Protein backbone atom coordinates (compact mmCIF):
# COMPACT_ATOMS: atom_id res chain seq x y z
CA MET A 1 34.10 12.99 25.44
CA THR A 2 30.92 14.12 23.68
CA ALA A 3 32.02 12.43 20.04
CA PRO A 4 32.47 9.20 21.37
CA ILE A 5 28.79 9.42 22.83
CA ILE A 6 27.51 10.55 19.64
CA ALA A 7 29.11 7.90 17.62
CA ILE A 8 27.55 5.11 20.07
CA TYR A 9 24.38 6.73 19.90
CA CYS A 10 24.62 6.61 16.34
CA MET A 11 25.50 3.41 16.26
CA VAL A 12 22.65 2.01 18.77
CA THR A 13 20.04 3.84 16.70
CA LEU A 14 20.93 2.48 13.41
CA MET A 15 20.95 -1.21 15.06
CA PHE A 16 17.41 -0.76 16.50
CA LEU A 17 16.59 0.60 13.26
CA MET A 18 17.75 -2.51 11.34
CA ILE A 19 16.37 -4.67 13.89
CA GLY A 20 12.86 -3.05 13.89
CA GLY A 21 12.53 -3.40 10.05
CA ILE A 22 13.54 -7.07 10.12
CA ILE A 23 11.00 -7.97 12.79
CA GLY A 24 8.39 -6.11 11.13
CA TRP A 25 9.08 -7.57 7.53
CA LEU A 26 9.21 -11.09 9.40
CA ALA A 27 5.67 -10.22 11.25
CA LYS A 28 4.12 -9.08 8.07
CA GLU A 29 5.08 -12.01 6.12
CA HIS A 30 3.77 -14.25 9.14
CA VAL A 31 0.45 -12.62 9.15
CA LEU A 32 0.60 -12.85 5.16
CA PHE A 33 0.86 -16.37 5.09
CA THR A 34 -1.15 -17.46 8.13
CA THR A 35 -4.34 -15.43 7.61
CA PRO A 36 -6.75 -16.57 4.78
CA GLN A 37 -6.89 -14.21 1.40
CA GLN A 38 -10.06 -12.55 0.76
CA VAL A 39 -10.90 -11.03 -2.42
CA PHE A 40 -12.53 -7.68 -1.85
CA ALA A 41 -15.14 -6.83 -4.95
CA HIS A 42 -18.26 -5.07 -5.75
CA PRO A 43 -21.29 -7.10 -5.31
CA GLU A 44 -21.92 -6.05 -8.86
CA MET A 45 -19.00 -8.32 -9.92
CA PHE A 46 -20.87 -11.30 -8.89
CA ASP A 47 -23.46 -13.62 -10.69
CA GLU A 48 -26.64 -14.94 -9.19
CA ASN A 49 -24.59 -17.88 -7.75
CA GLY A 50 -22.05 -15.73 -6.04
CA GLN A 51 -19.21 -16.33 -8.84
CA ILE A 52 -17.08 -13.42 -9.97
CA ILE A 53 -17.93 -12.65 -13.82
CA PRO A 54 -14.76 -12.57 -15.55
CA ASP A 55 -15.54 -11.34 -18.99
CA GLU A 56 -18.34 -8.75 -18.19
CA VAL A 57 -16.13 -6.22 -16.19
CA ILE A 58 -15.78 -3.08 -18.09
CA ALA A 59 -13.08 -0.40 -16.95
CA VAL A 60 -13.48 3.22 -17.43
CA ARG A 61 -11.08 6.04 -17.29
CA PHE A 62 -11.92 9.61 -17.05
CA GLU A 63 -9.10 11.97 -17.84
CA ASN A 64 -9.31 15.50 -16.40
CA SER A 65 -8.10 18.67 -18.19
CA TYR A 66 -7.84 21.52 -15.81
CA ASP A 67 -5.75 23.43 -18.23
CA ASP A 68 -9.08 24.64 -19.90
CA TYR A 69 -10.20 27.00 -17.14
CA GLU A 70 -8.03 30.25 -18.82
CA GLU A 71 -9.98 30.11 -21.76
CA ASP A 72 -13.35 30.45 -19.68
CA ASP A 73 -12.44 33.78 -18.35
CA ASP A 74 -13.49 35.75 -21.57
C-alpha cells in the first residue's frame, strides 16, 4: 500500500514543480515586457546634459595574485 502512495506523491510533486516553473516564467516575462526598463549607471558616466558618454568610459581589471604569500615567510 505504501508503494502506490509514494508513486502518487512523486507524480503530484513533479506536477506542482512543473506548474510552478511555468507560472514563474510567465510572470517574469509579463513583468519584463510591461514595466519600463531603466538604465542603471554611475553619475560619472553622464555629461552635463544627462546623456551617457559612450567613448570616454574606461574599464579597469585588477588581477590578484594570492600565491606570492609563501615567498614573504623568509
